[in-house]
């Protein structure tokens, strides 16, 4: 599997506030992990891993693989919203690629999020 480009950003955006949200602090905005590829070859999908230290341990946080584009020369963009975060906690993330034959490999460096302060009231 060849990747000409990868990009991983952790951003902080507003998330849905539905009852299905699995988070200890519903007022916290999720961490959003974004990445992209310039091309993909035999790509089944991706897993996003999270740890509470740069050295791990890490565990996948998406319940199902994020569907990849198979084989394409068309650039693709992906994202995963981590809504199960706690206030004042730094999380470390990386992205793993899964090929159609089941091979797995990390395709990004390990990145840290910024801790989010607990919010008060309707913030």
C-alpha atoms as a PDB file:
ATOM      1  CA  UNK A   1       0.000   0.000   0.000  1.00  0.00           C
ATOM      2  CA  UNK A   2       1.477   3.360  -1.019  1.00  0.00           C
ATOM      3  CA  UNK A   3       0.487   6.731   0.388  1.00  0.00           C
ATOM      4  CA  UNK A   4       1.815   9.794  -1.346  1.00  0.00           C
ATOM      5  CA  UNK A   5       0.506  12.147   1.324  1.00  0.00           C
ATOM      6  CA  UNK A   6      -0.965  11.956   4.769  1.00  0.00           C
ATOM      7  CA  UNK A   7      -2.144  14.637   7.070  1.00  0.00           C
ATOM      8  CA  UNK A   8      -3.356  14.388  10.616  1.00  0.00           C
ATOM      9  CA  UNK A   9      -4.852  17.319  12.450  1.00  0.00           C
ATOM     10  CA  UNK A  10      -6.570  17.400  15.769  1.00  0.00           C
ATOM     11  CA  UNK A  11      -9.076  20.215  15.828  1.00  0.00           C
ATOM     12  CA  UNK A  12     -11.681  21.373  18.235  1.00  0.00           C
ATOM     13  CA  UNK A  13     -15.176  21.879  16.841  1.00  0.00           C
ATOM     14  CA  UNK A  14     -18.704  21.890  18.140  1.00  0.00           C
ATOM     15  CA  UNK A  15     -20.300  18.464  18.264  1.00  0.00           C
ATOM     16  CA  UNK A  16     -23.874  17.209  18.487  1.00  0.00           C
ATOM     17  CA  UNK A  17     -25.462  17.256  21.912  1.00  0.00           C
ATOM     18  CA  UNK A  18     -27.781  14.249  21.544  1.00  0.00           C
ATOM     19  CA  UNK A  19     -28.510  11.613  24.127  1.00  0.00           C
ATOM     20  CA  UNK A  20     -26.472   9.042  22.171  1.00  0.00           C
ATOM     21  CA  UNK A  21     -23.313  10.974  22.997  1.00  0.00           C
ATOM     22  CA  UNK A  22     -20.926   8.872  25.097  1.00  0.00           C
ATOM     23  CA  UNK A  23     -18.991  11.395  27.146  1.00  0.00           C
ATOM     24  CA  UNK A  24     -18.491  12.041  30.826  1.00  0.00           C
ATOM     25  CA  UNK A  25     -18.912  15.795  30.211  1.00  0.00           C
ATOM     26  CA  UNK A  26     -21.609  16.388  27.553  1.00  0.00           C
ATOM     27  CA  UNK A  27     -20.721  20.092  27.309  1.00  0.00           C
ATOM     28  CA  UNK A  28     -17.195  19.316  26.016  1.00  0.00           C
ATOM     29  CA  UNK A  29     -16.589  19.686  22.301  1.00  0.00           C
ATOM     30  CA  UNK A  30     -15.075  16.554  20.694  1.00  0.00           C
ATOM     31  CA  UNK A  31     -11.500  16.216  19.500  1.00  0.00           C
ATOM     32  CA  UNK A  32     -11.601  15.798  15.718  1.00  0.00           C
ATOM     33  CA  UNK A  33      -8.865  13.778  14.042  1.00  0.00           C
ATOM     34  CA  UNK A  34      -8.570  14.604  10.324  1.00  0.00           C
ATOM     35  CA  UNK A  35      -6.290  13.134   7.680  1.00  0.00           C
ATOM     36  CA  UNK A  36      -6.102  12.819   3.921  1.00  0.00           C
ATOM     37  CA  UNK A  37      -4.421  10.839   1.179  1.00  0.00           C
ATOM     38  CA  UNK A  38      -3.236  11.825  -2.283  1.00  0.00           C
ATOM     39  CA  UNK A  39      -3.902   8.278  -3.516  1.00  0.00           C
ATOM     40  CA  UNK A  40      -4.770   4.864  -2.105  1.00  0.00           C
ATOM     41  CA  UNK A  41      -4.082   1.299  -3.196  1.00  0.00           C
ATOM     42  CA  UNK A  42      -6.185  -1.648  -1.966  1.00  0.00           C
ATOM     43  CA  UNK A  43      -7.265   0.304   1.103  1.00  0.00           C
ATOM     44  CA  UNK A  44     -10.061  -1.203   3.201  1.00  0.00           C
ATOM     45  CA  UNK A  45     -10.147   1.521   5.832  1.00  0.00           C
ATOM     46  CA  UNK A  46      -8.700   3.152   8.925  1.00  0.00           C
ATOM     47  CA  UNK A  47      -8.650   2.918  12.694  1.00  0.00           C
ATOM     48  CA  UNK A  48      -7.965   5.851  14.996  1.00  0.00           C
ATOM     49  CA  UNK A  49      -5.987   5.014  18.124  1.00  0.00           C
ATOM     50  CA  UNK A  50      -5.903   7.005  21.370  1.00  0.00           C
ATOM     51  CA  UNK A  51      -3.686   6.889  24.432  1.00  0.00           C
ATOM     52  CA  UNK A  52      -3.146   9.047  27.485  1.00  0.00           C
ATOM     53  CA  UNK A  53       0.614   9.252  26.979  1.00  0.00           C
ATOM     54  CA  UNK A  54       2.872   9.536  23.939  1.00  0.00           C
ATOM     55  CA  UNK A  55       4.270   6.094  24.766  1.00  0.00           C
ATOM     56  CA  UNK A  56       0.824   4.487  25.077  1.00  0.00           C
ATOM     57  CA  UNK A  57      -0.725   2.145  25.573  1.00  0.00           C
ATOM     58  CA  UNK A  58      -3.026   2.939  22.647  1.00  0.00           C
ATOM     59  CA  UNK A  59      -6.411   1.438  21.804  1.00  0.00           C
ATOM     60  CA  UNK A  60      -8.668   1.891  18.766  1.00  0.00           C
ATOM     61  CA  UNK A  61     -11.546   4.260  19.509  1.00  0.00           C
ATOM     62  CA  UNK A  62     -13.721   3.902  16.415  1.00  0.00           C
ATOM     63  CA  UNK A  63     -16.259   1.055  16.774  1.00  0.00           C
ATOM     64  CA  UNK A  64     -15.920   0.048  13.094  1.00  0.00           C
ATOM     65  CA  UNK A  65     -13.126   0.811  10.604  1.00  0.00           C
ATOM     66  CA  UNK A  66     -13.604   4.101   8.779  1.00  0.00           C
ATOM     67  CA  UNK A  67     -14.204   3.027   5.171  1.00  0.00           C
ATOM     68  CA  UNK A  68     -11.284   3.696   2.816  1.00  0.00           C
ATOM     69  CA  UNK A  69     -11.458   4.410  -0.912  1.00  0.00           C
ATOM     70  CA  UNK A  70     -10.060   1.091  -2.162  1.00  0.00           C
ATOM     71  CA  UNK A  71      -7.764   1.975  -5.053  1.00  0.00           C
ATOM     72  CA  UNK A  72      -7.872   5.539  -6.342  1.00  0.00           C
ATOM     73  CA  UNK A  73      -5.675   8.387  -7.528  1.00  0.00           C
ATOM     74  CA  UNK A  74      -8.273  10.898  -6.316  1.00  0.00           C
ATOM     75  CA  UNK A  75      -7.326  12.655  -3.059  1.00  0.00           C
ATOM     76  CA  UNK A  76      -9.483  11.646  -0.101  1.00  0.00           C
ATOM     77  CA  UNK A  77     -10.249  13.338   3.218  1.00  0.00           C
ATOM     78  CA  UNK A  78     -11.299  11.621   6.420  1.00  0.00           C
ATOM     79  CA  UNK A  79     -12.208  12.534   9.975  1.00  0.00           C
ATOM     80  CA  UNK A  80     -13.161  10.950  13.257  1.00  0.00           C
ATOM     81  CA  UNK A  81     -14.837  12.782  16.149  1.00  0.00           C
ATOM     82  CA  UNK A  82     -13.688  11.564  19.534  1.00  0.00           C
ATOM     83  CA  UNK A  83     -16.617  12.387  21.782  1.00  0.00           C
ATOM     84  CA  UNK A  84     -15.574  10.265  24.767  1.00  0.00           C
ATOM     85  CA  UNK A  85     -13.059  12.733  26.177  1.00  0.00           C
ATOM     86  CA  UNK A  86     -12.742  14.138  29.667  1.00  0.00           C
ATOM     87  CA  UNK A  87     -12.000  17.715  30.717  1.00  0.00           C
ATOM     88  CA  UNK A  88      -8.401  18.741  31.435  1.00  0.00           C
ATOM     89  CA  UNK A  89      -6.964  15.593  29.811  1.00  0.00           C
ATOM     90  CA  UNK A  90      -4.359  15.409  27.052  1.00  0.00           C
ATOM     91  CA  UNK A  91      -4.968  12.585  24.571  1.00  0.00           C
ATOM     92  CA  UNK A  92      -2.507  11.193  22.028  1.00  0.00           C
ATOM     93  CA  UNK A  93      -3.734   9.960  18.630  1.00  0.00           C
ATOM     94  CA  UNK A  94      -2.514   8.150  15.544  1.00  0.00           C
ATOM     95  CA  UNK A  95      -4.147   6.636  12.442  1.00  0.00           C
ATOM     96  CA  UNK A  96      -3.738   3.060  11.233  1.00  0.00           C
ATOM     97  CA  UNK A  97      -4.456   1.929   7.671  1.00  0.00           C
ATOM     98  CA  UNK A  98      -6.031  -1.472   6.930  1.00  0.00           C
ATOM     99  CA  UNK A  99      -5.449  -3.005   3.488  1.00  0.00           C
ATOM    100  CA  UNK A 100      -7.973  -5.182   1.669  1.00  0.00           C
ATOM    101  CA  UNK A 101      -5.880  -8.242   2.608  1.00  0.00           C
ATOM    102  CA  UNK A 102      -5.911  -7.272   6.313  1.00  0.00           C
ATOM    103  CA  UNK A 103      -2.421  -5.792   6.650  1.00  0.00           C
ATOM    104  CA  UNK A 104      -2.315  -2.959   9.186  1.00  0.00           C
ATOM    105  CA  UNK A 105       0.217  -0.172   9.593  1.00  0.00           C
ATOM    106  CA  UNK A 106       0.438   3.181  11.279  1.00  0.00           C
ATOM    107  CA  UNK A 107       0.368   5.965   8.687  1.00  0.00           C
ATOM    108  CA  UNK A 108       0.705   9.008  10.926  1.00  0.00           C
ATOM    109  CA  UNK A 109       2.943  10.292  13.660  1.00  0.00           C
ATOM    110  CA  UNK A 110       1.541  10.412  17.178  1.00  0.00           C
ATOM    111  CA  UNK A 111      -0.153  13.754  17.877  1.00  0.00           C
ATOM    112  CA  UNK A 112      -1.330  15.289  21.160  1.00  0.00           C
ATOM    113  CA  UNK A 113      -4.594  17.136  21.731  1.00  0.00           C
ATOM    114  CA  UNK A 114      -4.921  20.192  23.908  1.00  0.00           C
ATOM    115  CA  UNK A 115      -6.722  19.630  27.210  1.00  0.00           C
ATOM    116  CA  UNK A 116     -10.192  21.125  27.287  1.00  0.00           C
ATOM    117  CA  UNK A 117     -11.338  22.903  30.424  1.00  0.00           C
ATOM    118  CA  UNK A 118     -14.590  21.855  32.055  1.00  0.00           C
ATOM    119  CA  UNK A 119     -17.392  24.170  30.997  1.00  0.00           C
ATOM    120  CA  UNK A 120     -19.949  25.768  33.259  1.00  0.00           C
ATOM    121  CA  UNK A 121     -23.637  26.291  32.660  1.00  0.00           C
ATOM    122  CA  UNK A 122     -24.661  26.643  28.998  1.00  0.00           C
ATOM    123  CA  UNK A 123     -21.154  27.380  27.651  1.00  0.00           C
END
